[in-house]
Amino acid sequence: MDPRICHIELDEKTIIRRSADIDHERRVAIFDLLEENFYQPRAELPGNYTGPYRLVMRMEDNRLAMDIYAGEDIDLTQRLVVIMLPLTSLRKVIRQYFQICDSYFSAIKSASPRQIETIDMARRGLHDEGSGILQDRLAEKVKIDLLTARRLFTLICVLQIR
């Protein structure tokens, strides 16, 4: 049993807007996620497969889709399961998170260290809130720890940028 994500990618067709800051956040979230995560689908998978997993995240009809493949399926030919998650409960937090991130990225260019720290604390608080909601919403479909939820929340935000 190896309940972890060993490879993750975002469906590039669903990412609308990119900036250097957003791309950096995406790379850091992916790196950190692959370094340490806990990800265990609750569905019974073909062949009783128990990990590790390759994960492709994408948007489909305003819902998050997580296509899960066996870790050794490099060509992504045999999807084990797809987890669909409506993002309705996350929309407000995501919108607020984008607003505070814009403020943070602007502040680091010209604000005082105290102002940057205040904005960053608010940003981390919203990130924690979104991660908790994500963890709760996924609870019946996949078991994840808080660090994994935090990194997945960042990647969901990247997919949500309009």
Protein backbone atom coordinates (compact mmCIF):
# COMPACT_ATOMS: atom_id res chain seq x y z
CA MET A 1 0.00 0.00 0.00
CA ASP A 2 1.44 3.34 -1.11
CA PRO A 3 -1.26 6.03 -0.68
CA ARG A 4 0.43 8.98 -2.33
CA ILE A 5 0.59 10.96 -5.53
CA CYS A 6 3.78 10.19 -7.45
CA HIS A 7 3.01 12.42 -10.45
CA ILE A 8 0.61 15.30 -10.97
CA GLU A 9 -0.27 17.48 -13.89
CA LEU A 10 -2.80 20.15 -14.69
CA ASP A 11 -4.71 19.98 -17.94
CA GLU A 12 -3.10 22.88 -19.76
CA LYS A 13 -6.23 23.44 -21.87
CA THR A 14 -8.16 24.56 -18.79
CA ILE A 15 -5.63 27.16 -17.61
CA ILE A 16 -6.73 30.47 -19.08
CA ARG A 17 -4.32 33.07 -17.73
CA ARG A 18 -0.76 32.82 -16.60
CA SER A 19 1.65 35.17 -14.95
CA ALA A 20 5.13 34.61 -13.59
CA ASP A 21 3.80 34.74 -10.01
CA ILE A 22 1.04 32.20 -10.70
CA ASP A 23 3.40 29.90 -12.57
CA HIS A 24 5.82 30.04 -9.64
CA GLU A 25 3.02 29.16 -7.18
CA ARG A 26 2.03 26.23 -9.40
CA ARG A 27 5.60 24.88 -9.61
CA VAL A 28 6.15 25.20 -5.85
CA ALA A 29 2.82 23.50 -5.04
CA ILE A 30 3.62 20.60 -7.38
CA PHE A 31 7.17 20.22 -6.05
CA ASP A 32 6.02 20.29 -2.41
CA LEU A 33 3.13 17.94 -3.13
CA LEU A 34 5.38 15.35 -4.74
CA GLU A 35 7.86 15.60 -1.86
CA GLU A 36 5.24 14.76 0.76
CA ASN A 37 1.57 13.89 0.44
CA PHE A 38 -1.12 11.46 1.52
CA TYR A 39 -3.75 10.59 -1.08
CA GLN A 40 -5.97 7.54 -0.75
CA PRO A 41 -9.06 7.13 -2.97
CA ARG A 42 -11.93 5.54 -1.06
CA ALA A 43 -13.38 3.76 -4.11
CA GLU A 44 -12.46 0.17 -4.74
CA LEU A 45 -10.04 0.41 -7.64
CA PRO A 46 -9.44 -2.17 -10.39
CA GLY A 47 -7.14 -4.95 -9.19
CA ASN A 48 -7.45 -3.53 -5.65
CA TYR A 49 -4.75 -1.02 -6.61
CA THR A 50 -3.47 0.91 -3.57
CA GLY A 51 -0.96 3.39 -4.98
CA PRO A 52 1.05 5.32 -5.84
CA TYR A 53 -1.12 7.43 -8.15
CA ARG A 54 -0.71 9.66 -11.16
CA LEU A 55 -3.18 12.52 -11.02
CA VAL A 56 -4.45 14.78 -13.79
CA MET A 57 -6.49 17.75 -12.59
CA ARG A 58 -8.81 19.57 -14.95
CA MET A 59 -12.00 21.58 -15.06
CA GLU A 60 -15.13 20.06 -16.57
CA ASP A 61 -18.47 21.88 -16.59
CA ASN A 62 -17.38 24.14 -13.70
CA ARG A 63 -16.37 21.14 -11.61
CA LEU A 64 -12.97 19.85 -10.66
CA ALA A 65 -12.15 16.51 -12.26
CA MET A 66 -9.31 14.43 -10.86
CA ASP A 67 -8.37 11.61 -13.20
CA ILE A 68 -6.52 8.95 -11.23
CA TYR A 69 -4.13 6.51 -12.87
CA ALA A 70 -1.80 3.82 -11.54
CA GLY A 71 1.66 5.17 -10.78
CA GLU A 72 3.31 3.05 -13.45
CA ASP A 73 0.81 4.14 -16.16
CA ILE A 74 3.16 6.68 -17.73
CA ASP A 75 1.09 7.05 -20.91
CA LEU A 76 -2.16 7.58 -18.95
CA THR A 77 -4.01 4.92 -20.89
CA GLN A 78 -6.01 3.18 -18.14
CA ARG A 79 -7.79 5.59 -15.84
CA LEU A 80 -8.61 3.89 -12.53
CA VAL A 81 -11.31 6.35 -11.50
CA VAL A 82 -12.32 9.97 -11.92
CA ILE A 83 -13.32 12.06 -8.93
CA MET A 84 -15.66 14.93 -9.71
CA LEU A 85 -16.05 17.78 -7.25
CA PRO A 86 -18.40 20.74 -7.63
CA LEU A 87 -16.54 23.85 -6.52
CA THR A 88 -19.58 25.80 -5.35
CA SER A 89 -18.54 25.66 -1.70
CA LEU A 90 -15.05 26.92 -2.58
CA ARG A 91 -15.96 29.77 -4.96
CA LYS A 92 -16.14 32.54 -2.33
CA VAL A 93 -12.86 31.51 -0.69
CA ILE A 94 -11.15 31.19 -4.08
CA ARG A 95 -12.36 34.66 -5.10
CA GLN A 96 -11.14 36.16 -1.80
CA TYR A 97 -7.87 34.25 -2.12
CA PHE A 98 -7.29 35.72 -5.61
CA GLN A 99 -7.95 39.21 -4.30
CA ILE A 100 -5.54 38.84 -1.40
CA CYS A 101 -2.90 37.22 -3.65
CA ASP A 102 -3.12 40.20 -6.03
CA SER A 103 -2.60 42.50 -3.04
CA TYR A 104 0.29 40.37 -1.81
CA PHE A 105 2.07 40.29 -5.20
CA SER A 106 1.67 44.07 -5.48
CA ALA A 107 2.80 44.63 -1.90
CA ILE A 108 6.03 42.67 -2.20
CA LYS A 109 7.16 45.18 -4.83
CA SER A 110 6.69 48.32 -2.76
CA ALA A 111 5.13 47.85 0.69
CA SER A 112 6.82 47.79 4.06
CA PRO A 113 7.73 44.42 5.62
CA ARG A 114 4.96 44.92 8.21
CA GLN A 115 2.34 45.49 5.50
CA ILE A 116 3.56 42.46 3.55
CA GLU A 117 3.42 40.30 6.69
CA THR A 118 -0.15 41.42 7.43
CA ILE A 119 -1.31 40.62 3.90
CA ASP A 120 0.55 37.29 3.95
CA MET A 121 -1.15 36.30 7.22
CA ALA A 122 -4.54 36.98 5.64
CA ARG A 123 -3.49 35.04 2.54
CA ARG A 124 -2.42 32.04 4.63
CA GLY A 125 -5.66 32.20 6.61
CA LEU A 126 -7.76 32.03 3.42
CA HIS A 127 -5.53 29.25 2.12
CA ASP A 128 -6.13 27.28 5.32
CA GLU A 129 -9.87 27.89 5.07
CA GLY A 130 -9.99 26.72 1.45
CA SER A 131 -7.86 23.68 2.27
CA GLY A 132 -10.18 22.69 5.10
CA ILE A 133 -13.25 23.01 2.89
CA LEU A 134 -11.53 20.95 0.20
CA GLN A 135 -10.58 18.26 2.67
CA ASP A 136 -14.17 18.10 3.95
CA ARG A 137 -15.70 18.05 0.46
CA LEU A 138 -13.39 15.25 -0.67
CA ALA A 139 -13.75 13.18 2.53
CA GLU A 140 -16.14 10.63 1.03
CA LYS A 141 -14.14 10.26 -2.19
CA VAL A 142 -10.50 10.47 -1.20
CA LYS A 143 -8.63 10.68 2.09
CA ILE A 144 -6.01 13.43 2.16
CA ASP A 145 -4.03 15.12 4.90
CA LEU A 146 -4.01 18.88 5.48
CA LEU A 147 -0.69 19.52 3.68
CA THR A 148 -1.95 17.66 0.63
CA ALA A 149 -5.22 19.64 0.77
CA ARG A 150 -3.24 22.92 0.94
CA ARG A 151 -1.22 22.07 -2.16
CA LEU A 152 -4.24 20.78 -4.07
CA PHE A 153 -6.12 23.99 -3.16
CA THR A 154 -3.30 26.02 -4.72
CA LEU A 155 -3.55 23.96 -7.91
CA ILE A 156 -7.34 24.29 -7.99
CA CYS A 157 -6.89 28.05 -7.77
CA VAL A 158 -4.52 27.93 -10.76
CA LEU A 159 -7.20 26.07 -12.71
CA GLN A 160 -9.79 28.69 -11.68
CA ILE A 161 -7.93 31.77 -12.88
CA ARG A 162 -9.98 33.64 -15.46
